[in-house]
Amino acid sequence: MSASLAFDTLKYVKRLREAGVPEPQAEIQAELLAEALAERLASKEDLSRTEAALRTDLSKVEAALKTDLAKVEAALKTDLAKVETELKRDIKELDLKIEAAKTELKRDIKELDAKVETRLKELELGLESKSVEIKAELVKWMVGLTLAQMGLMTGILFAILRLPVR
């Protein structure tokens, strides 16, 4: 790198002499410092070249990133399409299972309803039968009690008729 830095070696030597450094040593120090600065400092041209190289590298990196991003985007679209297809399939399967469950539930409800209806009719017939039995039993008791009352009244009547009259 070539530097076009303005370094005043004379002024530097003069200040070193004023500080007590011998002139030959002060001159050597000024030369070495000027060389070091010339080697270490970048010129505007060096910076321009470096900037151009960095811009080129940045353009390459940007292009590579765009390519990679396009690949990733394409892969994501493909994966998303697969997931969407699988989800649609799963939803259809779930809908079919739900419909089957609804149908089975409706059938079970109809069967249960029929069983309940049959059982209610059986209970109703049983109650009617019991009611008839109870009515028949009541009639028996009423007839029996009526006959017993009639027998008792007849007995009382005969007893009264057998009594001497006073």
N, C-alpha and C. Protein backbone atom coordinates (compact mmCIF):
# COMPACT_ATOMS: atom_id res chain seq x y z
N MET A 1 0.85 -1.18 0.00
CA MET A 1 0.00 0.00 0.00
C MET A 1 0.89 1.23 0.00
N SER A 2 0.55 2.12 -0.82
CA SER A 2 1.32 3.37 -0.84
C SER A 2 0.47 4.46 -0.22
N ALA A 3 1.05 5.14 0.73
CA ALA A 3 0.31 6.17 1.44
C ALA A 3 0.83 7.53 1.04
N SER A 4 -0.07 8.41 0.86
CA SER A 4 0.34 9.78 0.55
C SER A 4 0.02 10.66 1.74
N LEU A 5 0.44 10.20 2.91
CA LEU A 5 0.19 10.91 4.15
C LEU A 5 1.27 11.99 4.32
N ALA A 6 0.84 13.15 4.64
CA ALA A 6 1.80 14.24 4.84
C ALA A 6 2.30 14.15 6.28
N PHE A 7 3.57 13.73 6.41
CA PHE A 7 4.19 13.63 7.72
C PHE A 7 5.43 14.52 7.72
N ASP A 8 5.42 15.49 8.62
CA ASP A 8 6.51 16.48 8.67
C ASP A 8 7.65 15.92 9.51
N THR A 9 8.61 15.28 8.81
CA THR A 9 9.75 14.66 9.50
C THR A 9 10.66 15.72 10.14
N LEU A 10 10.82 16.88 9.51
CA LEU A 10 11.67 17.94 10.03
C LEU A 10 11.14 18.43 11.38
N LYS A 11 9.84 18.66 11.42
CA LYS A 11 9.22 19.12 12.66
C LYS A 11 9.39 18.06 13.76
N TYR A 12 9.27 16.79 13.38
CA TYR A 12 9.38 15.68 14.32
C TYR A 12 10.80 15.61 14.89
N VAL A 13 11.78 15.75 13.98
CA VAL A 13 13.20 15.74 14.41
C VAL A 13 13.47 16.91 15.33
N LYS A 14 12.98 18.10 14.97
CA LYS A 14 13.20 19.30 15.78
C LYS A 14 12.66 19.10 17.19
N ARG A 15 11.46 18.50 17.33
CA ARG A 15 10.84 18.30 18.65
C ARG A 15 11.63 17.28 19.47
N LEU A 16 12.14 16.26 18.78
CA LEU A 16 12.93 15.26 19.49
C LEU A 16 14.24 15.89 20.01
N ARG A 17 14.90 16.74 19.19
CA ARG A 17 16.13 17.41 19.63
C ARG A 17 15.85 18.29 20.82
N GLU A 18 14.71 18.98 20.81
CA GLU A 18 14.35 19.85 21.93
C GLU A 18 14.12 19.02 23.19
N ALA A 19 13.74 17.77 23.01
CA ALA A 19 13.49 16.91 24.16
C ALA A 19 14.78 16.25 24.64
N GLY A 20 15.89 16.49 23.92
CA GLY A 20 17.17 15.97 24.37
C GLY A 20 17.66 14.76 23.62
N VAL A 21 17.00 14.41 22.53
CA VAL A 21 17.44 13.25 21.74
C VAL A 21 18.50 13.76 20.77
N PRO A 22 19.61 13.01 20.64
CA PRO A 22 20.66 13.44 19.69
C PRO A 22 20.12 13.47 18.26
N GLU A 23 20.64 14.38 17.43
CA GLU A 23 20.13 14.61 16.08
C GLU A 23 20.18 13.36 15.22
N PRO A 24 21.29 12.58 15.17
CA PRO A 24 21.30 11.38 14.32
C PRO A 24 20.19 10.39 14.75
N GLN A 25 19.99 10.25 16.03
CA GLN A 25 18.95 9.33 16.53
C GLN A 25 17.56 9.87 16.20
N ALA A 26 17.35 11.17 16.32
CA ALA A 26 16.07 11.80 16.01
C ALA A 26 15.75 11.64 14.53
N GLU A 27 16.76 11.78 13.64
CA GLU A 27 16.54 11.62 12.20
C GLU A 27 16.14 10.19 11.86
N ILE A 28 16.84 9.22 12.47
CA ILE A 28 16.54 7.80 12.24
C ILE A 28 15.10 7.51 12.68
N GLN A 29 14.74 8.01 13.82
CA GLN A 29 13.37 7.77 14.33
C GLN A 29 12.34 8.37 13.38
N ALA A 30 12.59 9.57 12.85
CA ALA A 30 11.66 10.23 11.94
C ALA A 30 11.52 9.42 10.65
N GLU A 31 12.66 8.91 10.11
CA GLU A 31 12.62 8.10 8.89
C GLU A 31 11.82 6.81 9.11
N LEU A 32 12.12 6.13 10.23
CA LEU A 32 11.43 4.86 10.53
C LEU A 32 9.92 5.08 10.73
N LEU A 33 9.58 6.15 11.39
CA LEU A 33 8.16 6.44 11.60
C LEU A 33 7.48 6.75 10.28
N ALA A 34 8.13 7.51 9.40
CA ALA A 34 7.57 7.84 8.09
C ALA A 34 7.36 6.58 7.27
N GLU A 35 8.34 5.65 7.30
CA GLU A 35 8.22 4.38 6.56
C GLU A 35 7.07 3.54 7.14
N ALA A 36 7.02 3.47 8.45
CA ALA A 36 5.97 2.67 9.10
C ALA A 36 4.59 3.20 8.75
N LEU A 37 4.47 4.52 8.78
CA LEU A 37 3.18 5.12 8.44
C LEU A 37 2.83 4.86 6.98
N ALA A 38 3.83 4.91 6.11
CA ALA A 38 3.61 4.70 4.69
C ALA A 38 3.17 3.26 4.43
N GLU A 39 3.75 2.31 5.16
CA GLU A 39 3.40 0.90 4.97
C GLU A 39 2.06 0.54 5.60
N ARG A 40 1.70 1.15 6.72
CA ARG A 40 0.52 0.76 7.47
C ARG A 40 -0.75 1.50 7.09
N LEU A 41 -0.64 2.66 6.55
CA LEU A 41 -1.83 3.44 6.24
C LEU A 41 -2.31 3.17 4.83
N ALA A 42 -3.61 3.09 4.67
CA ALA A 42 -4.20 2.85 3.36
C ALA A 42 -4.48 4.17 2.67
N SER A 43 -4.26 4.15 1.38
CA SER A 43 -4.54 5.37 0.60
C SER A 43 -5.99 5.34 0.15
N LYS A 44 -6.45 6.45 -0.45
CA LYS A 44 -7.80 6.51 -0.98
C LYS A 44 -7.98 5.47 -2.08
N GLU A 45 -6.92 5.28 -2.88
CA GLU A 45 -7.00 4.27 -3.94
C GLU A 45 -7.14 2.88 -3.34
N ASP A 46 -6.36 2.62 -2.26
CA ASP A 46 -6.48 1.32 -1.59
C ASP A 46 -7.90 1.11 -1.07
N LEU A 47 -8.44 2.16 -0.47
CA LEU A 47 -9.79 2.06 0.08
C LEU A 47 -10.82 1.87 -1.03
N SER A 48 -10.62 2.54 -2.16
CA SER A 48 -11.54 2.40 -3.30
C SER A 48 -11.51 0.97 -3.83
N ARG A 49 -10.30 0.41 -3.96
CA ARG A 49 -10.18 -0.98 -4.44
C ARG A 49 -10.84 -1.95 -3.46
N THR A 50 -10.59 -1.71 -2.19
CA THR A 50 -11.18 -2.57 -1.16
C THR A 50 -12.70 -2.47 -1.19
N GLU A 51 -13.21 -1.24 -1.34
CA GLU A 51 -14.66 -1.03 -1.39
C GLU A 51 -15.25 -1.75 -2.60
N ALA A 52 -14.58 -1.65 -3.75
CA ALA A 52 -15.06 -2.31 -4.97
C ALA A 52 -15.07 -3.83 -4.78
N ALA A 53 -14.01 -4.35 -4.17
CA ALA A 53 -13.94 -5.80 -3.93
C ALA A 53 -15.05 -6.23 -2.96
N LEU A 54 -15.28 -5.41 -1.94
CA LEU A 54 -16.34 -5.74 -0.97
C LEU A 54 -17.71 -5.69 -1.63
N ARG A 55 -17.92 -4.70 -2.51
CA ARG A 55 -19.20 -4.60 -3.22
C ARG A 55 -19.41 -5.83 -4.12
N THR A 56 -18.35 -6.25 -4.79
CA THR A 56 -18.43 -7.43 -5.65
C THR A 56 -18.77 -8.66 -4.80
N ASP A 57 -18.03 -8.81 -3.70
CA ASP A 57 -18.29 -9.95 -2.81
C ASP A 57 -19.71 -9.89 -2.26
N LEU A 58 -20.15 -8.71 -1.89
CA LEU A 58 -21.50 -8.53 -1.36
C LEU A 58 -22.55 -8.88 -2.41
N SER A 59 -22.31 -8.50 -3.66
CA SER A 59 -23.24 -8.84 -4.74
C SER A 59 -23.30 -10.35 -4.92
N LYS A 60 -22.14 -11.01 -4.84
CA LYS A 60 -22.11 -12.47 -4.97
C LYS A 60 -22.88 -13.13 -3.82
N VAL A 61 -22.65 -12.65 -2.61
CA VAL A 61 -23.34 -13.20 -1.43
C VAL A 61 -24.84 -12.96 -1.55
N GLU A 62 -25.20 -11.76 -2.01
CA GLU A 62 -26.62 -11.42 -2.17
C GLU A 62 -27.27 -12.35 -3.20
N ALA A 63 -26.59 -12.59 -4.31
CA ALA A 63 -27.12 -13.48 -5.36
C ALA A 63 -27.26 -14.90 -4.82
N ALA A 64 -26.24 -15.35 -4.07
CA ALA A 64 -26.31 -16.70 -3.49
C ALA A 64 -27.45 -16.80 -2.49
N LEU A 65 -27.64 -15.75 -1.70
CA LEU A 65 -28.74 -15.74 -0.73
C LEU A 65 -30.10 -15.77 -1.43
N LYS A 66 -30.22 -15.01 -2.52
CA LYS A 66 -31.47 -15.01 -3.27
C LYS A 66 -31.75 -16.41 -3.83
N THR A 67 -30.72 -17.04 -4.36
CA THR A 67 -30.87 -18.40 -4.90
C THR A 67 -31.29 -19.37 -3.79
N ASP A 68 -30.59 -19.28 -2.66
CA ASP A 68 -30.92 -20.16 -1.53
C ASP A 68 -32.33 -19.89 -1.02
N LEU A 69 -32.69 -18.63 -0.95
CA LEU A 69 -34.02 -18.25 -0.49
C LEU A 69 -35.09 -18.79 -1.44
N ALA A 70 -34.83 -18.71 -2.74
CA ALA A 70 -35.78 -19.24 -3.72
C ALA A 70 -35.93 -20.75 -3.55
N LYS A 71 -34.81 -21.44 -3.29
CA LYS A 71 -34.86 -22.89 -3.08
C LYS A 71 -35.66 -23.22 -1.82
N VAL A 72 -35.38 -22.49 -0.75
CA VAL A 72 -36.10 -22.71 0.51
C VAL A 72 -37.59 -22.44 0.33
N GLU A 73 -37.90 -21.35 -0.37
CA GLU A 73 -39.30 -21.00 -0.61
C GLU A 73 -40.01 -22.09 -1.41
N ALA A 74 -39.33 -22.60 -2.45
CA ALA A 74 -39.91 -23.68 -3.26
C ALA A 74 -40.13 -24.93 -2.41
N ALA A 75 -39.13 -25.25 -1.59
CA ALA A 75 -39.25 -26.43 -0.72
C ALA A 75 -40.40 -26.24 0.27
N LEU A 76 -40.53 -25.04 0.82
CA LEU A 76 -41.62 -24.77 1.76
C LEU A 76 -42.98 -24.88 1.08
N LYS A 77 -43.07 -24.37 -0.15
CA LYS A 77 -44.33 -24.47 -0.89
C LYS A 77 -44.69 -25.93 -1.13
N THR A 78 -43.68 -26.72 -1.50
CA THR A 78 -43.91 -28.15 -1.73
C THR A 78 -44.37 -28.82 -0.44
N ASP A 79 -43.66 -28.55 0.64
CA ASP A 79 -44.02 -29.14 1.94
C ASP A 79 -45.41 -28.68 2.37
N LEU A 80 -45.70 -27.43 2.17
CA LEU A 80 -47.01 -26.89 2.54
C LEU A 80 -48.12 -27.55 1.73
N ALA A 81 -47.86 -27.76 0.45
CA ALA A 81 -48.85 -28.43 -0.40
C ALA A 81 -49.08 -29.86 0.08
N LYS A 82 -48.00 -30.55 0.48
CA LYS A 82 -48.14 -31.91 1.00
C LYS A 82 -48.96 -31.91 2.29
N VAL A 83 -48.64 -30.99 3.18
CA VAL A 83 -49.36 -30.90 4.45
C VAL A 83 -50.83 -30.59 4.21
N GLU A 84 -51.08 -29.68 3.28
CA GLU A 84 -52.47 -29.31 2.96
C GLU A 84 -53.23 -30.52 2.42
N THR A 85 -52.59 -31.29 1.52
CA THR A 85 -53.22 -32.48 0.97
C THR A 85 -53.50 -33.49 2.08
N GLU A 86 -52.53 -33.70 2.95
CA GLU A 86 -52.72 -34.64 4.06
C GLU A 86 -53.83 -34.18 4.99
N LEU A 87 -53.87 -32.88 5.27
CA LEU A 87 -54.93 -32.36 6.15
C LEU A 87 -56.31 -32.53 5.53
N LYS A 88 -56.40 -32.26 4.22
CA LYS A 88 -57.69 -32.45 3.55
C LYS A 88 -58.12 -33.91 3.61
N ARG A 89 -57.17 -34.82 3.38
CA ARG A 89 -57.47 -36.25 3.46
C ARG A 89 -57.92 -36.62 4.88
N ASP A 90 -57.19 -36.14 5.85
CA ASP A 90 -57.53 -36.44 7.25
C ASP A 90 -58.91 -35.88 7.61
N ILE A 91 -59.22 -34.69 7.11
CA ILE A 91 -60.52 -34.08 7.40
C ILE A 91 -61.64 -34.90 6.76
N LYS A 92 -61.41 -35.37 5.51
CA LYS A 92 -62.42 -36.21 4.86
C LYS A 92 -62.63 -37.50 5.64
N GLU A 93 -61.52 -38.12 6.07
CA GLU A 93 -61.63 -39.34 6.86
C GLU A 93 -62.39 -39.08 8.15
N LEU A 94 -62.08 -37.97 8.79
CA LEU A 94 -62.75 -37.62 10.04
C LEU A 94 -64.23 -37.37 9.80
N ASP A 95 -64.56 -36.68 8.70
CA ASP A 95 -65.97 -36.44 8.36
C ASP A 95 -66.69 -37.77 8.16
N LEU A 96 -66.04 -38.71 7.46
CA LEU A 96 -66.65 -40.02 7.24
C LEU A 96 -66.87 -40.75 8.56
N LYS A 97 -65.89 -40.67 9.45
CA LYS A 97 -66.02 -41.32 10.76
C LYS A 97 -67.15 -40.67 11.56
N ILE A 98 -67.25 -39.36 11.48
CA ILE A 98 -68.32 -38.65 12.20
C ILE A 98 -69.68 -39.06 11.65
N GLU A 99 -69.79 -39.13 10.33
CA GLU A 99 -71.07 -39.54 9.72
C GLU A 99 -71.41 -40.97 10.11
N ALA A 100 -70.41 -41.85 10.11
CA ALA A 100 -70.65 -43.24 10.52
C ALA A 100 -71.10 -43.29 11.98
N ALA A 101 -70.45 -42.49 12.82
CA ALA A 101 -70.82 -42.45 14.24
C ALA A 101 -72.24 -41.92 14.41
N LYS A 102 -72.59 -40.89 13.61
CA LYS A 102 -73.96 -40.33 13.68
C LYS A 102 -74.98 -41.40 13.30
N THR A 103 -74.69 -42.10 12.19
CA THR A 103 -75.59 -43.15 11.71
C THR A 103 -75.74 -44.24 12.77
N GLU A 104 -74.63 -44.65 13.34
CA GLU A 104 -74.66 -45.69 14.38
C GLU A 104 -75.42 -45.20 15.61
N LEU A 105 -75.22 -43.96 15.96
CA LEU A 105 -75.91 -43.40 17.11
C LEU A 105 -77.41 -43.32 16.86
N LYS A 106 -77.80 -42.91 15.66
CA LYS A 106 -79.22 -42.85 15.31
C LYS A 106 -79.84 -44.26 15.38
N ARG A 107 -79.10 -45.24 14.85
CA ARG A 107 -79.59 -46.62 14.89
C ARG A 107 -79.74 -47.09 16.34
N ASP A 108 -78.72 -46.80 17.14
CA ASP A 108 -78.77 -47.20 18.56
C ASP A 108 -79.94 -46.53 19.28
N ILE A 109 -80.19 -45.26 18.95
CA ILE A 109 -81.30 -44.54 19.58
C ILE A 109 -82.62 -45.17 19.16
N LYS A 110 -82.75 -45.53 17.86
CA LYS A 110 -83.98 -46.17 17.40
C LYS A 110 -84.19 -47.51 18.10
N GLU A 111 -83.11 -48.29 18.21
CA GLU A 111 -83.20 -49.58 18.89
C GLU A 111 -83.61 -49.39 20.35
N LEU A 112 -82.97 -48.44 21.01
CA LEU A 112 -83.28 -48.18 22.41
C LEU A 112 -84.71 -47.68 22.56
N ASP A 113 -85.12 -46.83 21.64
CA ASP A 113 -86.49 -46.31 21.65
C ASP A 113 -87.48 -47.46 21.49
N ALA A 114 -87.18 -48.39 20.56
CA ALA A 114 -88.06 -49.54 20.34
C ALA A 114 -88.10 -50.42 21.59
N LYS A 115 -86.96 -50.63 22.23
CA LYS A 115 -86.91 -51.44 23.46
C LYS A 115 -87.72 -50.78 24.57
N VAL A 116 -87.55 -49.46 24.69
CA VAL A 116 -88.30 -48.73 25.73
C VAL A 116 -89.80 -48.83 25.45
N GLU A 117 -90.17 -48.67 24.19
CA GLU A 117 -91.58 -48.75 23.80
C GLU A 117 -92.14 -50.14 24.11
N THR A 118 -91.37 -51.17 23.76
CA THR A 118 -91.79 -52.54 24.04
C THR A 118 -91.92 -52.77 25.53
N ARG A 119 -90.96 -52.31 26.28
CA ARG A 119 -90.99 -52.50 27.74
C ARG A 119 -92.18 -51.75 28.35
N LEU A 120 -92.44 -50.52 27.84
CA LEU A 120 -93.60 -49.77 28.34
C LEU A 120 -94.90 -50.52 28.05
N LYS A 121 -95.01 -51.10 26.85
CA LYS A 121 -96.22 -51.87 26.52
C LYS A 121 -96.34 -53.08 27.42
N GLU A 122 -95.18 -53.74 27.68
CA GLU A 122 -95.20 -54.90 28.58
C GLU A 122 -95.66 -54.48 29.98
N LEU A 123 -95.13 -53.37 30.45
CA LEU A 123 -95.53 -52.87 31.77
C LEU A 123 -97.01 -52.50 31.78
N GLU A 124 -97.45 -51.87 30.71
CA GLU A 124 -98.86 -51.47 30.60
C GLU A 124 -99.77 -52.70 30.62
N LEU A 125 -99.37 -53.73 29.85
CA LEU A 125 -100.14 -54.98 29.85
C LEU A 125 -100.10 -55.64 31.22
N GLY A 126 -98.93 -55.59 31.84
CA GLY A 126 -98.79 -56.15 33.19
C GLY A 126 -99.69 -55.42 34.17
N LEU A 127 -99.72 -54.08 34.04
CA LEU A 127 -100.58 -53.29 34.94
C LEU A 127 -102.05 -53.58 34.68
N GLU A 128 -102.42 -53.71 33.40
CA GLU A 128 -103.80 -54.03 33.07
C GLU A 128 -104.17 -55.40 33.64
N SER A 129 -103.25 -56.34 33.50
CA SER A 129 -103.49 -57.69 34.01
C SER A 129 -103.65 -57.66 35.52
N LYS A 130 -102.75 -56.92 36.18
CA LYS A 130 -102.82 -56.78 37.65
C LYS A 130 -104.12 -56.09 38.03
N SER A 131 -104.49 -55.09 37.25
CA SER A 131 -105.72 -54.35 37.52
C SER A 131 -106.92 -55.28 37.42
N VAL A 132 -106.93 -56.12 36.41
CA VAL A 132 -108.02 -57.09 36.25
C VAL A 132 -108.02 -58.06 37.42
N GLU A 133 -106.84 -58.53 37.80
CA GLU A 133 -106.74 -59.46 38.93
C GLU A 133 -107.25 -58.79 40.21
N ILE A 134 -106.81 -57.54 40.42
CA ILE A 134 -107.24 -56.81 41.62
C ILE A 134 -108.75 -56.61 41.61
N LYS A 135 -109.30 -56.25 40.44
CA LYS A 135 -110.75 -56.06 40.33
C LYS A 135 -111.47 -57.37 40.63
N ALA A 136 -110.96 -58.47 40.08
CA ALA A 136 -111.58 -59.78 40.33
C ALA A 136 -111.50 -60.12 41.81
N GLU A 137 -110.38 -59.84 42.42
CA GLU A 137 -110.20 -60.11 43.85
C GLU A 137 -111.17 -59.25 44.66
N LEU A 138 -111.30 -57.97 44.28
CA LEU A 138 -112.23 -57.07 44.97
C LEU A 138 -113.68 -57.57 44.84
N VAL A 139 -114.01 -58.02 43.64
CA VAL A 139 -115.36 -58.53 43.42
C VAL A 139 -115.59 -59.75 44.30
N LYS A 140 -114.58 -60.64 44.38
CA LYS A 140 -114.69 -61.82 45.24
C LYS A 140 -114.94 -61.41 46.68
N TRP A 141 -114.15 -60.45 47.13
CA TRP A 141 -114.29 -60.00 48.52
C TRP A 141 -115.66 -59.36 48.74
N MET A 142 -116.05 -58.55 47.78
CA MET A 142 -117.35 -57.87 47.94
C MET A 142 -118.49 -58.90 47.94
N VAL A 143 -118.39 -59.86 47.04
CA VAL A 143 -119.43 -60.91 47.01
C VAL A 143 -119.38 -61.70 48.31
N GLY A 144 -118.16 -62.03 48.72
CA GLY A 144 -118.01 -62.80 49.96
C GLY A 144 -118.54 -62.02 51.14
N LEU A 145 -118.21 -60.74 51.23
CA LEU A 145 -118.69 -59.92 52.34
C LEU A 145 -120.22 -59.74 52.26
N THR A 146 -120.69 -59.57 51.07
CA THR A 146 -122.14 -59.42 50.89
C THR A 146 -122.86 -60.70 51.33
N LEU A 147 -122.31 -61.83 50.92
CA LEU A 147 -122.91 -63.10 51.33
C LEU A 147 -122.82 -63.29 52.84
N ALA A 148 -121.65 -62.88 53.37
CA ALA A 148 -121.49 -63.01 54.82
C ALA A 148 -122.48 -62.11 55.53
N GLN A 149 -122.69 -60.89 55.03
CA GLN A 149 -123.65 -59.97 55.64
C GLN A 149 -125.07 -60.55 55.52
N MET A 150 -125.33 -61.07 54.36
CA MET A 150 -126.67 -61.64 54.16
C MET A 150 -126.89 -62.82 55.10
N GLY A 151 -125.85 -63.62 55.25
CA GLY A 151 -125.96 -64.76 56.17
C GLY A 151 -126.14 -64.30 57.60
N LEU A 152 -125.39 -63.27 57.94
CA LEU A 152 -125.50 -62.72 59.29
C LEU A 152 -126.89 -62.14 59.49
N MET A 153 -127.38 -61.42 58.53
CA MET A 153 -128.71 -60.81 58.65
C MET A 153 -129.78 -61.90 58.68
N THR A 154 -129.58 -62.92 57.91
CA THR A 154 -130.55 -64.01 57.91
C THR A 154 -130.53 -64.69 59.27
N GLY A 155 -129.33 -64.89 59.79
CA GLY A 155 -129.21 -65.50 61.12
C GLY A 155 -129.86 -64.64 62.18
N ILE A 156 -129.64 -63.34 62.08
CA ILE A 156 -130.24 -62.42 63.04
C ILE A 156 -131.75 -62.45 62.86
N LEU A 157 -132.20 -62.48 61.66
CA LEU A 157 -133.64 -62.51 61.37
C LEU A 157 -134.27 -63.80 61.92
N PHE A 158 -133.63 -64.90 61.70
CA PHE A 158 -134.14 -66.16 62.27
C PHE A 158 -134.11 -66.11 63.78
N ALA A 159 -133.09 -65.53 64.31
CA ALA A 159 -133.02 -65.45 65.77
C ALA A 159 -134.12 -64.58 66.30
N ILE A 160 -134.41 -63.52 65.61
CA ILE A 160 -135.47 -62.61 66.04
C ILE A 160 -136.81 -63.33 65.88
N LEU A 161 -136.99 -64.04 64.85
CA LEU A 161 -138.24 -64.74 64.63
C LEU A 161 -138.42 -65.87 65.61
N ARG A 162 -137.49 -66.44 66.11
CA ARG A 162 -137.57 -67.50 67.08
C ARG A 162 -137.76 -66.96 68.48
N LEU A 163 -137.57 -65.80 68.67
CA LEU A 163 -137.74 -65.23 70.00
C LEU A 163 -139.21 -65.13 70.31
N PRO A 164 -139.59 -65.42 71.54
CA PRO A 164 -140.99 -65.21 71.86
C PRO A 164 -141.30 -63.74 71.88
N VAL A 165 -142.41 -63.44 71.56
CA VAL A 165 -142.82 -62.05 71.51
C VAL A 165 -143.35 -61.73 72.89
N ARG A 166 -143.21 -60.72 73.43
CA ARG A 166 -143.65 -60.36 74.76
C ARG A 166 -144.74 -59.44 74.73
